[in-house]
Structure formats: structure tokens, C-alpha cells
Amino acid sequence: MYKLVYSPEAIEDLIAIKHAIINLWDDDVATETMKKIIMDIKGIAQFPFAGVNLGELIDVPTDYRYLVTSKNYVFYHVDKDVIKIVRVLNHRQDFMFHLFE
């Protein structure tokens, strides 16, 4: 199994997503949504190449892959036995800006 590593930005993203859900709905919805996101991220450790190659979407070579979960995109890349979670962005955010500033 691959080891999961979160970038500082990905951790900040997850915290921001949780706070946004709490503000829109409540703690229970935020907790359930975060559980789903985390479970899906853990699934990447078992099947790292199940996510879509981002290069196919943007027609630019990149080693980023992504997975869609609960209206959020989890961007990651695989390096040997490590999967680095780079960003977790809401579907309404400009992922190109956040990934490639």
C-alpha cells in the first residue's frame, strides 16, 4: 500500500471546506462530508491510478491526478510508494490558478 502525505495547502483546504459546510449547513453535515472525503482519499492509497490524469483534461503534460468527491476535487501525484495530496478544492474554485499559479 502507498503512504499518503498531505501538503500544508491540502490540510488548509480541508479545514476551509469543513468551515464552509458548517457555515452553510451545520456540524453534522460537515462531519459526514469530511468523513466521505477522507475515506475517498484513503481509497487512493489502495488504487492510486484510479484517479483521472489531469493532463488528459487540460491537454498539458502533468503528473497530477484527481478524484472527485463530495463536490470537491482531490489533486495528487504518485511518486514511487508515496501519494502526495496536493490540494483539495471545491468544484467552483479555479483549480488551474490554485495548482499552477
C-alpha atoms as a PDB file:
ATOM      1  CA  MET A   1       0.000   0.000   0.000  1.00  0.00           C
ATOM      2  CA  TYR A   2       1.086   3.529  -0.702  1.00  0.00           C
ATOM      3  CA  LYS A   3       1.792   6.089   2.012  1.00  0.00           C
ATOM      4  CA  LEU A   4      -0.417   9.206   1.994  1.00  0.00           C
ATOM      5  CA  VAL A   5       1.221  12.582   2.594  1.00  0.00           C
ATOM      6  CA  TYR A   6      -0.736  15.834   2.748  1.00  0.00           C
ATOM      7  CA  SER A   7       0.739  19.152   1.647  1.00  0.00           C
ATOM      8  CA  PRO A   8       0.180  22.074   4.040  1.00  0.00           C
ATOM      9  CA  GLU A   9      -2.139  23.592   1.408  1.00  0.00           C
ATOM     10  CA  ALA A  10      -4.246  20.418   1.277  1.00  0.00           C
ATOM     11  CA  ILE A  11      -4.668  20.496   5.057  1.00  0.00           C
ATOM     12  CA  GLU A  12      -5.708  24.161   4.884  1.00  0.00           C
ATOM     13  CA  ASP A  13      -8.131  23.271   2.076  1.00  0.00           C
ATOM     14  CA  LEU A  14      -9.772  20.558   4.173  1.00  0.00           C
ATOM     15  CA  ILE A  15     -10.160  22.915   7.131  1.00  0.00           C
ATOM     16  CA  ALA A  16     -11.670  25.593   4.865  1.00  0.00           C
ATOM     17  CA  ILE A  17     -14.104  23.082   3.333  1.00  0.00           C
ATOM     18  CA  LYS A  18     -15.238  21.979   6.775  1.00  0.00           C
ATOM     19  CA  HIS A  19     -15.793  25.582   7.925  1.00  0.00           C
ATOM     20  CA  ALA A  20     -17.688  26.449   4.739  1.00  0.00           C
ATOM     21  CA  ILE A  21     -20.032  23.484   5.226  1.00  0.00           C
ATOM     22  CA  ILE A  22     -20.598  24.384   8.869  1.00  0.00           C
ATOM     23  CA  ASN A  23     -21.500  27.946   7.820  1.00  0.00           C
ATOM     24  CA  LEU A  24     -23.908  26.723   5.135  1.00  0.00           C
ATOM     25  CA  TRP A  25     -25.426  23.752   6.949  1.00  0.00           C
ATOM     26  CA  ASP A  26     -24.282  22.512  10.350  1.00  0.00           C
ATOM     27  CA  ASP A  27     -21.685  20.442  12.207  1.00  0.00           C
ATOM     28  CA  ASP A  28     -23.340  17.107  11.401  1.00  0.00           C
ATOM     29  CA  VAL A  29     -23.330  17.717   7.641  1.00  0.00           C
ATOM     30  CA  ALA A  30     -19.717  18.929   7.834  1.00  0.00           C
ATOM     31  CA  THR A  31     -18.660  15.839   9.798  1.00  0.00           C
ATOM     32  CA  GLU A  32     -20.325  13.425   7.364  1.00  0.00           C
ATOM     33  CA  THR A  33     -18.912  15.230   4.330  1.00  0.00           C
ATOM     34  CA  MET A  34     -15.400  15.263   5.790  1.00  0.00           C
ATOM     35  CA  LYS A  35     -15.645  11.542   6.607  1.00  0.00           C
ATOM     36  CA  LYS A  36     -16.568  10.852   2.966  1.00  0.00           C
ATOM     37  CA  ILE A  37     -13.723  12.968   1.619  1.00  0.00           C
ATOM     38  CA  ILE A  38     -11.173  11.329   3.947  1.00  0.00           C
ATOM     39  CA  MET A  39     -12.435   7.830   3.103  1.00  0.00           C
ATOM     40  CA  ASP A  40     -12.140   8.573  -0.610  1.00  0.00           C
ATOM     41  CA  ILE A  41      -8.612   9.917  -0.096  1.00  0.00           C
ATOM     42  CA  LYS A  42      -7.689   6.738   1.791  1.00  0.00           C
ATOM     43  CA  GLY A  43      -9.046   4.790  -1.174  1.00  0.00           C
ATOM     44  CA  ILE A  44      -6.420   6.468  -3.341  1.00  0.00           C
ATOM     45  CA  ALA A  45      -3.766   4.678  -1.249  1.00  0.00           C
ATOM     46  CA  GLN A  46      -5.194   1.343  -2.399  1.00  0.00           C
ATOM     47  CA  PHE A  47      -5.851   2.331  -6.029  1.00  0.00           C
ATOM     48  CA  PRO A  48      -3.584   5.309  -6.810  1.00  0.00           C
ATOM     49  CA  PHE A  49      -4.126   5.219 -10.556  1.00  0.00           C
ATOM     50  CA  ALA A  50      -7.924   5.124 -10.335  1.00  0.00           C
ATOM     51  CA  GLY A  51      -7.950   8.923 -10.381  1.00  0.00           C
ATOM     52  CA  VAL A  52      -8.055  10.744 -13.696  1.00  0.00           C
ATOM     53  CA  ASN A  53      -4.812  12.017 -15.210  1.00  0.00           C
ATOM     54  CA  LEU A  54      -5.172  15.807 -15.113  1.00  0.00           C
ATOM     55  CA  GLY A  55      -3.109  16.128 -18.290  1.00  0.00           C
ATOM     56  CA  GLU A  56      -5.938  14.497 -20.227  1.00  0.00           C
ATOM     57  CA  LEU A  57      -8.361  17.198 -19.051  1.00  0.00           C
ATOM     58  CA  ILE A  58      -6.185  20.248 -19.648  1.00  0.00           C
ATOM     59  CA  ASP A  59      -4.150  18.863 -22.572  1.00  0.00           C
ATOM     60  CA  VAL A  60      -0.873  19.772 -20.852  1.00  0.00           C
ATOM     61  CA  PRO A  61       1.590  17.147 -19.608  1.00  0.00           C
ATOM     62  CA  THR A  62       1.484  16.885 -15.819  1.00  0.00           C
ATOM     63  CA  ASP A  63       1.910  14.171 -13.224  1.00  0.00           C
ATOM     64  CA  TYR A  64      -1.142  15.345 -11.261  1.00  0.00           C
ATOM     65  CA  ARG A  65      -4.132  13.073 -10.964  1.00  0.00           C
ATOM     66  CA  TYR A  66      -7.505  13.940  -9.464  1.00  0.00           C
ATOM     67  CA  LEU A  67     -10.507  12.352  -7.844  1.00  0.00           C
ATOM     68  CA  VAL A  68     -13.954  13.903  -7.426  1.00  0.00           C
ATOM     69  CA  THR A  69     -15.601  13.515  -4.027  1.00  0.00           C
ATOM     70  CA  SER A  70     -18.499  15.420  -2.452  1.00  0.00           C
ATOM     71  CA  LYS A  71     -18.303  18.292  -4.986  1.00  0.00           C
ATOM     72  CA  ASN A  72     -14.567  18.613  -4.372  1.00  0.00           C
ATOM     73  CA  TYR A  73     -11.502  17.731  -6.393  1.00  0.00           C
ATOM     74  CA  VAL A  74      -8.617  15.948  -4.686  1.00  0.00           C
ATOM     75  CA  PHE A  75      -5.431  16.642  -6.644  1.00  0.00           C
ATOM     76  CA  TYR A  76      -2.491  14.341  -6.022  1.00  0.00           C
ATOM     77  CA  HIS A  77       0.550  12.772  -7.568  1.00  0.00           C
ATOM     78  CA  VAL A  78       2.194   9.397  -7.148  1.00  0.00           C
ATOM     79  CA  ASP A  79       5.929   9.123  -6.550  1.00  0.00           C
ATOM     80  CA  LYS A  80       7.172   5.569  -6.019  1.00  0.00           C
ATOM     81  CA  ASP A  81       5.356   4.402  -2.859  1.00  0.00           C
ATOM     82  CA  VAL A  82       4.136   7.850  -1.748  1.00  0.00           C
ATOM     83  CA  ILE A  83       0.946   9.623  -2.744  1.00  0.00           C
ATOM     84  CA  LYS A  84       1.085  13.344  -2.078  1.00  0.00           C
ATOM     85  CA  ILE A  85      -2.279  15.034  -1.682  1.00  0.00           C
ATOM     86  CA  VAL A  86      -1.511  18.438  -3.170  1.00  0.00           C
ATOM     87  CA  ARG A  87      -4.835  20.288  -2.963  1.00  0.00           C
ATOM     88  CA  VAL A  88      -8.494  19.646  -2.136  1.00  0.00           C
ATOM     89  CA  LEU A  89     -10.565  22.237  -3.974  1.00  0.00           C
ATOM     90  CA  ASN A  90     -14.266  22.854  -4.278  1.00  0.00           C
ATOM     91  CA  HIS A  91     -15.693  22.324  -7.743  1.00  0.00           C
ATOM     92  CA  ARG A  92     -16.380  26.076  -8.029  1.00  0.00           C
ATOM     93  CA  GLN A  93     -12.761  27.083  -7.431  1.00  0.00           C
ATOM     94  CA  ASP A  94     -10.343  27.793 -10.279  1.00  0.00           C
ATOM     95  CA  PHE A  95      -8.123  24.736  -9.923  1.00  0.00           C
ATOM     96  CA  MET A  96      -5.731  25.888 -12.660  1.00  0.00           C
ATOM     97  CA  PHE A  97      -4.921  29.015 -10.650  1.00  0.00           C
ATOM     98  CA  HIS A  98      -4.513  27.125  -7.380  1.00  0.00           C
ATOM     99  CA  LEU A  99      -2.349  24.372  -8.856  1.00  0.00           C
ATOM    100  CA  PHE A 100      -0.208  26.329 -11.290  1.00  0.00           C
ATOM    101  CA  GLU A 101      -0.330  29.948 -10.035  1.00  0.00           C
END
